[in-house]
Amino acid sequence: MFLKCLFYAFQFLGTAPITIKALGTKKNKACHFLFVSSRLGILHNCILLCISLPTIYLMIEDILARSFLRKKTNLELVIDGVCAIYVVVPAFAFLLKISISAEKAIMIINKLNVIYQKRKIEFKKESPPVLLLRPVKIIVFTNVVPLIIGCFVSGQHHISNLLPLPSFLTYQMTFMQYTLILKLLHYLYQSTNTELQSVLRSKVPIFIVHNRFLGIDSQRISNKIELLREIHVLLCHLSKEVSDFYALPMFFCISNKFLILVQYFYYAAAILSDKQETATQYEILILTIWFTIVEALSLVVLARVAGLVVKESRRTGEIVGGLIAECPNKLILKQLNGFFCHLLLVQVDFNVYNLYQINEPLLTSFTSYITTYIVILLQFKGISCPSDSTDHTENVSTPPSVN
C-alpha cells in the first residue's frame, strides 16, 4: 500500500508518466508486472509544463511588489530574481526529459525489475519486504516530512511564498526518485555480494582431494558464480544507464540547490549581523534555517546512497579476489578469473556529464563553494551599502519562498 501511494505521488507530480501492466492471472498468485508508457501521463506532464511557465512571471511580479514595499539593494533583487526563476528550471527540465525519454525510463525500471525477479527465482530466496521497505520509508520520510512542515509554516507567513510549490515539489521528488533507484541498485549489489560470500562459507572447498571437488558440487558452484557474474554485468550496465539518464536533471537540480542555499545563507547572515533584533527577524531566520535543512537533506541522502552503491560494487572485487586465493579447482577458478577480468574493466560511478561525481566528497566541495560565495556577497553588500540602517536590514530578511 505504501509503495502504491508513492507511485501515485510520482505520477501526480509528473516524475513517472508510466503505468503498470500485470502479467499474471488470478490463478497465478505469483503475479509479475511490467511498466509501460502512459499517454495520459504524458498529457498530464504537458499540462504541468504549461503551468510552470506562468509561475515564473507571477514570482517575478511578487518579488518586484515586495521590493516597492521594502527597500532592497540591486544585489538582493538579482539574487531573489535568479533564484525565483531557477527553481522552475529543474522541474521544467525533468518534466521535459521524462516526457521525451519515457521509453528510456521504462526500459531502466523494467531492467531493475527483471534483475530483481531473476535473483529471486535463481536463488530461490524471497526477500522479506521489510528489507526493502524500511530504507525506502526512511528516504521518503526524511525528504517529505520536513518539506511539508516548511511549506505549511511558510504559507501561513506569506501565501505568495507557495507560488513555486508545484515546481518545487517536482524537483524534490526528482531527487527522491533518483535516490530510491540508487537504493534498489545498492540492494541488488549487496545481495550479489552476499551470494558470493556464501561460496566462501561453503563446506565443499574444505574437502579437496588432489585439486578436485566432488563433481556435482564443483559444477554447481561454477554455475552459481557464472550466474552472479551475469547479474553483476547487468547491474554495471544498468548503473551507467541510470547515471546518464539523470545527468541532465541532476545538473539543474544540484545547481539550483547551490543557488538556493547561497540565498538562504546570505539572508541568514544578514539577519545575524543586524544589531537590532526583532521578533519578525527571528521568525524569518528560523524559517530560513528550516528550508536550508530541507534543501540539504535531500542532497546529503542522495550523495550517501550513491556512495554506498559505488562502495558495494567495489567490494565485489575484494570478494572475488578472496575466492581466487582460496580456490585451487580449475573449473571454478576459470569462472572466477573471468569474473575478475570483468571487474577490472568496469568502474561504477554516478556523475553529471563528468563535471562532478555524486558522492560524499561532493558535500565537502559544496560547503566550501557556498562559504566562498557567501563571503563575497557579504563583502559586496558592505561596499554597496556602507550605512546599514535598521530598515534596510529588516528588508533584507524577506521570508524565503518555497524554492
Protein backbone atom coordinates (compact mmCIF):
# COMPACT_ATOMS: atom_id res chain seq x y z
CA MET A 1 0.00 0.00 0.00
CA PHE A 2 2.83 2.38 0.88
CA LEU A 3 4.62 1.71 -2.42
CA LYS A 4 1.37 2.20 -4.37
CA CYS A 5 0.81 5.60 -2.76
CA LEU A 6 4.41 6.55 -3.51
CA PHE A 7 4.00 5.52 -7.15
CA TYR A 8 0.79 7.57 -7.48
CA ALA A 9 2.58 10.57 -5.93
CA PHE A 10 5.32 10.27 -8.56
CA GLN A 11 2.64 10.08 -11.25
CA PHE A 12 0.75 13.12 -9.94
CA LEU A 13 3.90 15.27 -9.82
CA GLY A 14 4.93 14.22 -13.33
CA THR A 15 8.06 12.25 -12.47
CA ALA A 16 6.57 8.90 -13.56
CA PRO A 17 4.37 9.11 -16.70
CA ILE A 18 4.05 5.33 -16.75
CA THR A 19 1.56 2.68 -15.73
CA ILE A 20 1.76 -0.92 -14.51
CA LYS A 21 0.66 -3.89 -16.60
CA ALA A 22 0.10 -7.16 -14.73
CA LEU A 23 1.43 -10.27 -16.45
CA GLY A 24 -0.05 -12.83 -14.07
CA THR A 25 -3.57 -14.23 -13.76
CA LYS A 26 -5.95 -14.71 -10.87
CA LYS A 27 -4.93 -18.37 -10.64
CA ASN A 28 -1.26 -17.43 -10.66
CA LYS A 29 -0.78 -15.55 -7.41
CA ALA A 30 2.93 -15.08 -8.12
CA CYS A 31 1.98 -12.21 -10.38
CA HIS A 32 4.73 -10.42 -12.31
CA PHE A 33 4.27 -6.98 -13.77
CA LEU A 34 5.69 -4.72 -16.42
CA PHE A 35 5.95 -0.95 -16.63
CA VAL A 36 4.56 0.55 -19.83
CA SER A 37 4.14 4.04 -21.26
CA SER A 38 1.06 6.08 -20.36
CA ARG A 39 -0.39 8.59 -22.83
CA LEU A 40 -2.44 10.09 -20.03
CA GLY A 41 0.77 10.54 -18.03
CA ILE A 42 2.46 12.34 -20.93
CA LEU A 43 -0.59 14.61 -21.30
CA HIS A 44 -0.50 15.32 -17.57
CA ASN A 45 3.18 16.29 -17.88
CA CYS A 46 2.38 18.66 -20.75
CA ILE A 47 -0.20 20.38 -18.53
CA LEU A 48 2.37 20.70 -15.74
CA LEU A 49 4.86 22.18 -18.21
CA CYS A 50 2.29 24.77 -19.30
CA ILE A 51 1.54 25.65 -15.68
CA SER A 52 5.20 26.10 -14.78
CA LEU A 53 5.81 28.89 -17.32
CA PRO A 54 3.31 31.43 -15.89
CA THR A 55 4.73 30.65 -12.45
CA ILE A 56 7.96 32.44 -13.41
CA TYR A 57 6.04 35.60 -14.33
CA LEU A 58 4.00 35.55 -11.12
CA MET A 59 7.10 35.05 -8.99
CA ILE A 60 8.93 37.96 -10.64
CA GLU A 61 5.86 40.15 -10.10
CA ASP A 62 5.76 39.15 -6.44
CA ILE A 63 9.46 39.98 -5.98
CA LEU A 64 9.03 43.41 -7.58
CA ALA A 65 5.92 44.11 -5.48
CA ARG A 66 7.82 43.30 -2.30
CA SER A 67 10.73 45.45 -3.41
CA PHE A 68 8.44 48.51 -3.54
CA LEU A 69 7.21 47.85 -0.01
CA ARG A 70 10.66 47.01 1.34
CA LYS A 71 13.73 48.74 0.07
CA LYS A 72 16.20 46.27 -1.38
CA THR A 73 19.58 46.65 -2.98
CA ASN A 74 20.10 45.72 -6.62
CA LEU A 75 22.20 42.76 -5.47
CA GLU A 76 19.34 41.35 -3.39
CA LEU A 77 16.85 41.85 -6.22
CA VAL A 78 19.16 39.97 -8.58
CA ILE A 79 19.62 37.13 -6.07
CA ASP A 80 15.86 36.82 -5.48
CA GLY A 81 15.06 37.05 -9.19
CA VAL A 82 17.58 34.43 -10.29
CA CYS A 83 16.57 32.01 -7.53
CA ALA A 84 12.87 32.52 -8.26
CA ILE A 85 13.31 31.76 -11.95
CA TYR A 86 15.77 28.94 -11.46
CA VAL A 87 13.56 26.99 -9.06
CA VAL A 88 11.23 26.30 -12.02
CA VAL A 89 14.06 25.27 -14.37
CA PRO A 90 14.92 21.86 -12.77
CA ALA A 91 11.26 20.85 -12.67
CA PHE A 92 10.74 22.02 -16.27
CA ALA A 93 13.90 20.20 -17.44
CA PHE A 94 12.96 16.91 -15.78
CA LEU A 95 9.33 17.00 -16.94
CA LEU A 96 10.54 17.63 -20.48
CA LYS A 97 13.20 14.93 -20.18
CA ILE A 98 10.86 12.28 -18.75
CA SER A 99 8.17 13.09 -21.34
CA ILE A 100 10.53 12.86 -24.32
CA SER A 101 12.55 9.91 -22.99
CA ALA A 102 9.69 8.00 -21.37
CA GLU A 103 10.65 4.79 -23.20
CA LYS A 104 14.20 5.04 -21.84
CA ALA A 105 12.89 5.48 -18.29
CA ILE A 106 10.56 2.50 -18.72
CA MET A 107 13.42 0.36 -20.02
CA ILE A 108 15.54 1.22 -16.96
CA ILE A 109 12.82 0.45 -14.42
CA ASN A 110 11.89 -2.80 -16.22
CA LYS A 111 15.53 -3.92 -16.20
CA LEU A 112 15.67 -3.30 -12.47
CA ASN A 113 12.53 -5.37 -12.04
CA VAL A 114 13.87 -8.20 -14.24
CA ILE A 115 17.16 -8.40 -12.31
CA TYR A 116 15.28 -8.40 -9.00
CA GLN A 117 12.91 -11.16 -10.16
CA LYS A 118 15.76 -13.19 -11.68
CA ARG A 119 17.65 -13.09 -8.40
CA LYS A 120 14.59 -14.38 -6.51
CA ILE A 121 13.94 -17.20 -8.98
CA GLU A 122 17.53 -18.40 -9.45
CA PHE A 123 18.50 -18.35 -5.78
CA LYS A 124 15.01 -19.35 -4.58
CA LYS A 125 15.04 -16.59 -1.97
CA GLU A 126 12.04 -14.48 -1.17
CA SER A 127 13.27 -11.14 0.12
CA PRO A 128 11.47 -10.10 3.30
CA PRO A 129 9.52 -6.93 2.42
CA VAL A 130 10.93 -5.17 5.47
CA LEU A 131 14.45 -5.30 3.99
CA LEU A 132 13.31 -3.12 1.10
CA LEU A 133 10.50 -1.15 2.71
CA ARG A 134 12.47 0.07 5.71
CA PRO A 135 15.16 2.02 3.77
CA VAL A 136 12.52 3.24 1.30
CA LYS A 137 10.37 4.61 4.13
CA ILE A 138 13.38 6.26 5.76
CA ILE A 139 14.31 8.01 2.49
CA VAL A 140 10.72 9.11 1.82
CA PHE A 141 10.02 10.42 5.33
CA THR A 142 13.41 12.14 5.52
CA ASN A 143 12.55 14.08 2.37
CA VAL A 144 8.81 14.59 2.77
CA VAL A 145 8.16 15.37 6.45
CA PRO A 146 10.47 18.44 6.76
CA LEU A 147 9.17 19.65 3.38
CA ILE A 148 5.51 19.52 4.44
CA ILE A 149 6.23 21.29 7.73
CA GLY A 150 8.23 24.00 5.96
CA CYS A 151 5.55 24.58 3.30
CA PHE A 152 2.81 24.81 5.94
CA VAL A 153 4.69 27.37 8.06
CA SER A 154 5.87 29.35 5.02
CA GLY A 155 2.33 29.52 3.61
CA GLN A 156 0.99 30.86 6.90
CA HIS A 157 3.69 33.53 6.95
CA HIS A 158 3.03 34.76 3.41
CA ILE A 159 0.71 32.98 0.96
CA SER A 160 2.72 34.12 -2.08
CA ASN A 161 5.62 32.02 -0.79
CA LEU A 162 3.73 29.00 -2.13
CA LEU A 163 3.77 30.20 -5.76
CA PRO A 164 6.66 27.91 -6.79
CA LEU A 165 5.31 24.98 -4.76
CA PRO A 166 4.33 22.71 -7.73
CA SER A 167 7.72 23.13 -9.38
CA PHE A 168 9.50 22.77 -6.05
CA LEU A 169 7.68 19.52 -5.27
CA THR A 170 8.51 18.11 -8.71
CA TYR A 171 12.18 18.92 -8.34
CA GLN A 172 12.32 17.49 -4.80
CA MET A 173 10.57 14.32 -5.99
CA THR A 174 13.16 14.03 -8.77
CA PHE A 175 15.85 13.88 -6.09
CA MET A 176 13.89 11.32 -4.11
CA GLN A 177 13.17 9.18 -7.18
CA TYR A 178 16.86 9.06 -8.11
CA THR A 179 17.74 8.19 -4.50
CA LEU A 180 15.23 5.32 -4.42
CA ILE A 181 16.54 3.87 -7.69
CA LEU A 182 20.09 4.02 -6.33
CA LYS A 183 18.91 2.34 -3.14
CA LEU A 184 17.45 -0.53 -5.16
CA LEU A 185 20.74 -0.82 -7.07
CA HIS A 186 22.59 -0.89 -3.74
CA TYR A 187 20.33 -3.70 -2.53
CA LEU A 188 20.96 -5.75 -5.70
CA TYR A 189 24.74 -5.27 -5.47
CA GLN A 190 24.60 -6.17 -1.80
CA SER A 191 22.59 -9.35 -2.40
CA THR A 192 25.02 -10.37 -5.18
CA ASN A 193 27.94 -9.96 -2.78
CA THR A 194 26.09 -11.96 -0.13
CA GLU A 195 25.68 -14.87 -2.55
CA LEU A 196 29.36 -14.66 -3.47
CA GLN A 197 30.34 -14.75 0.19
CA SER A 198 28.22 -17.87 0.64
CA VAL A 199 30.65 -19.61 -1.74
CA LEU A 200 33.46 -18.79 0.69
CA ARG A 201 31.44 -20.23 3.57
CA SER A 202 30.61 -23.41 1.66
CA LYS A 203 31.82 -26.67 3.21
CA VAL A 204 32.77 -28.19 -0.15
CA PRO A 205 36.12 -26.34 -0.65
CA ILE A 206 37.36 -27.88 2.61
CA PHE A 207 37.27 -31.39 1.17
CA ILE A 208 39.82 -31.03 -1.61
CA VAL A 209 41.47 -34.20 -2.89
CA HIS A 210 44.23 -33.74 -5.46
CA ASN A 211 42.95 -30.37 -6.61
CA ARG A 212 39.43 -31.71 -7.33
CA PHE A 213 35.97 -31.05 -5.91
CA LEU A 214 33.17 -33.54 -5.89
CA GLY A 215 31.80 -33.37 -9.43
CA ILE A 216 28.25 -32.20 -8.68
CA ASP A 217 29.31 -29.57 -6.17
CA SER A 218 32.06 -28.29 -8.45
CA GLN A 219 29.64 -27.78 -11.34
CA ARG A 220 27.00 -26.27 -9.07
CA ILE A 221 29.40 -23.66 -7.65
CA SER A 222 30.74 -22.91 -11.13
CA ASN A 223 27.21 -22.29 -12.44
CA LYS A 224 26.41 -20.10 -9.46
CA ILE A 225 29.50 -17.93 -10.00
CA GLU A 226 28.68 -17.63 -13.70
CA LEU A 227 25.14 -16.52 -12.87
CA LEU A 228 26.40 -13.97 -10.34
CA ARG A 229 28.82 -12.62 -12.94
CA GLU A 230 25.95 -12.19 -15.42
CA ILE A 231 23.89 -10.34 -12.80
CA HIS A 232 26.84 -8.10 -11.93
CA VAL A 233 27.42 -7.28 -15.61
CA LEU A 234 23.74 -6.31 -15.96
CA LEU A 235 23.94 -4.18 -12.82
CA CYS A 236 27.05 -2.34 -14.06
CA HIS A 237 25.45 -1.56 -17.42
CA LEU A 238 22.24 -0.50 -15.71
CA SER A 239 24.14 1.77 -13.31
CA LYS A 240 25.68 3.54 -16.31
CA GLU A 241 22.25 3.97 -17.93
CA VAL A 242 20.78 5.37 -14.71
CA SER A 243 23.68 7.83 -14.36
CA ASP A 244 23.30 9.00 -17.97
CA PHE A 245 19.52 9.36 -17.74
CA TYR A 246 19.61 11.51 -14.61
CA ALA A 247 22.64 13.59 -15.66
CA LEU A 248 20.62 16.49 -17.11
CA PRO A 249 18.02 16.67 -14.29
CA MET A 250 20.76 16.44 -11.65
CA PHE A 251 22.76 19.21 -13.35
CA PHE A 252 19.83 21.60 -12.94
CA CYS A 253 18.70 20.24 -9.55
CA ILE A 254 22.12 20.40 -7.89
CA SER A 255 22.95 23.81 -9.37
CA ASN A 256 19.55 25.02 -8.14
CA LYS A 257 20.32 23.74 -4.65
CA PHE A 258 23.60 25.61 -4.75
CA LEU A 259 21.88 28.91 -5.65
CA ILE A 260 19.09 28.45 -3.12
CA LEU A 261 21.48 27.58 -0.29
CA VAL A 262 23.62 30.61 -1.13
CA GLN A 263 20.46 32.75 -0.97
CA TYR A 264 19.35 31.29 2.38
CA PHE A 265 22.78 31.58 3.99
CA TYR A 266 23.11 35.14 2.69
CA TYR A 267 19.84 36.24 4.28
CA ALA A 268 20.59 34.33 7.50
CA ALA A 269 23.97 36.06 7.75
CA ALA A 270 22.33 39.43 7.04
CA ILE A 271 19.86 38.89 9.90
CA LEU A 272 22.54 37.72 12.33
CA SER A 273 24.71 40.72 11.50
CA ASP A 274 21.89 43.12 12.43
CA LYS A 275 22.42 44.68 15.84
CA GLN A 276 18.74 45.50 16.40
CA GLU A 277 16.95 42.16 16.63
CA THR A 278 13.18 41.83 16.25
CA ALA A 279 10.69 39.01 16.65
CA THR A 280 9.99 39.06 12.90
CA GLN A 281 13.66 38.59 12.12
CA TYR A 282 13.80 35.57 14.43
CA GLU A 283 10.79 34.01 12.67
CA ILE A 284 12.38 34.58 9.27
CA LEU A 285 15.71 33.21 10.50
CA ILE A 286 14.08 30.01 11.79
CA LEU A 287 12.17 29.59 8.53
CA THR A 288 15.35 30.14 6.52
CA ILE A 289 17.26 27.58 8.60
CA TRP A 290 14.40 25.09 8.23
CA PHE A 291 14.35 25.33 4.42
CA THR A 292 18.14 25.10 4.40
CA ILE A 293 17.75 21.75 6.18
CA VAL A 294 15.07 20.67 3.66
CA GLU A 295 17.35 21.52 0.72
CA ALA A 296 20.45 19.98 2.28
CA LEU A 297 18.81 16.75 3.46
CA SER A 298 17.82 15.52 0.00
CA LEU A 299 21.32 16.18 -1.34
CA VAL A 300 23.01 14.51 1.64
CA VAL A 301 20.81 11.40 1.37
CA LEU A 302 21.38 11.16 -2.40
CA ALA A 303 25.16 11.52 -2.06
CA ARG A 304 25.23 8.97 0.76
CA VAL A 305 23.22 6.34 -1.15
CA ALA A 306 25.26 6.87 -4.35
CA GLY A 307 28.44 6.39 -2.32
CA LEU A 308 27.08 3.14 -0.87
CA VAL A 309 26.33 1.77 -4.35
CA VAL A 310 29.87 2.53 -5.54
CA LYS A 311 31.36 1.03 -2.37
CA GLU A 312 29.29 -2.15 -2.69
CA SER A 313 30.24 -2.59 -6.36
CA ARG A 314 33.93 -2.30 -5.47
CA ARG A 315 33.54 -4.79 -2.62
CA THR A 316 32.67 -7.42 -5.22
CA GLY A 317 36.29 -7.30 -6.43
CA GLU A 318 37.57 -7.95 -2.91
CA ILE A 319 35.28 -10.96 -2.51
CA VAL A 320 36.23 -12.45 -5.90
CA GLY A 321 39.91 -11.88 -5.11
CA GLY A 322 39.48 -13.81 -1.85
CA LEU A 323 37.78 -16.67 -3.70
CA ILE A 324 40.61 -16.86 -6.26
CA ALA A 325 43.20 -17.05 -3.48
CA GLU A 326 41.40 -19.94 -1.75
CA CYS A 327 40.22 -21.98 -4.74
CA PRO A 328 42.56 -24.46 -6.49
CA ASN A 329 39.81 -26.09 -8.57
CA LYS A 330 40.39 -25.39 -12.28
CA LEU A 331 36.73 -25.30 -13.32
CA ILE A 332 35.73 -22.83 -10.64
CA LEU A 333 38.98 -20.88 -10.97
CA LYS A 334 38.22 -20.31 -14.65
CA GLN A 335 34.87 -18.73 -13.77
CA LEU A 336 36.44 -16.61 -11.04
CA ASN A 337 39.18 -15.34 -13.36
CA GLY A 338 36.56 -14.37 -15.94
CA PHE A 339 34.60 -12.56 -13.22
CA PHE A 340 37.74 -10.75 -12.04
CA CYS A 341 38.61 -9.64 -15.59
CA HIS A 342 35.13 -8.14 -15.91
CA LEU A 343 35.60 -6.25 -12.63
CA LEU A 344 38.89 -4.80 -13.88
CA LEU A 345 37.16 -3.37 -16.96
CA VAL A 346 34.21 -1.68 -15.26
CA GLN A 347 34.02 1.23 -12.85
CA VAL A 348 30.68 2.12 -11.35
CA ASP A 349 30.10 5.79 -10.54
CA PHE A 350 27.32 8.34 -10.77
CA ASN A 351 28.31 11.65 -12.29
CA VAL A 352 26.87 14.68 -14.03
CA TYR A 353 28.41 14.81 -17.52
CA ASN A 354 31.80 14.04 -15.90
CA LEU A 355 31.72 17.51 -14.30
CA TYR A 356 31.47 16.06 -10.81
CA GLN A 357 30.58 12.79 -9.16
CA ILE A 358 27.60 12.34 -6.86
CA ASN A 359 29.15 11.03 -3.64
CA GLU A 360 30.13 12.16 -0.14
CA PRO A 361 33.12 14.33 -1.25
CA LEU A 362 30.64 16.41 -3.27
CA LEU A 363 29.16 17.63 0.03
CA THR A 364 32.54 18.95 1.18
CA SER A 365 33.06 20.78 -2.11
CA PHE A 366 29.51 22.12 -1.93
CA THR A 367 30.08 23.53 1.55
CA SER A 368 33.37 25.21 0.63
CA TYR A 369 31.90 26.81 -2.52
CA ILE A 370 28.86 28.12 -0.65
CA THR A 371 31.07 29.59 2.08
CA THR A 372 33.22 31.34 -0.52
CA TYR A 373 30.24 32.88 -2.31
CA ILE A 374 28.63 33.99 0.96
CA VAL A 375 31.81 35.85 1.94
CA ILE A 376 31.97 37.52 -1.49
CA LEU A 377 28.29 38.56 -1.39
CA LEU A 378 28.53 39.94 2.14
CA GLN A 379 31.62 41.93 1.21
CA PHE A 380 29.86 43.25 -1.89
CA LYS A 381 26.83 44.16 0.23
CA GLY A 382 29.06 46.00 2.70
CA ILE A 383 30.64 48.01 -0.11
CA SER A 384 27.33 48.87 -1.82
CA CYS A 385 25.53 49.67 1.46
CA PRO A 386 28.09 51.07 3.92
CA SER A 387 25.38 52.67 6.07
CA ASP A 388 23.32 49.71 7.18
CA SER A 389 20.13 51.11 8.58
CA THR A 390 17.64 49.18 10.63
CA ASP A 391 15.00 49.42 7.91
CA HIS A 392 17.36 48.05 5.31
CA THR A 393 18.36 45.09 7.46
CA GLU A 394 14.73 44.19 8.04
CA ASN A 395 14.05 44.41 4.32
CA VAL A 396 16.93 42.10 3.52
CA SER A 397 15.27 39.47 5.64
CA THR A 398 12.40 38.68 3.35
CA PRO A 399 10.71 35.38 4.21
CA PRO A 400 12.09 32.67 1.95
CA SER A 401 9.69 31.26 -0.56
CA VAL A 402 9.37 27.55 -1.20
CA ASN A 403 12.36 27.32 -3.54
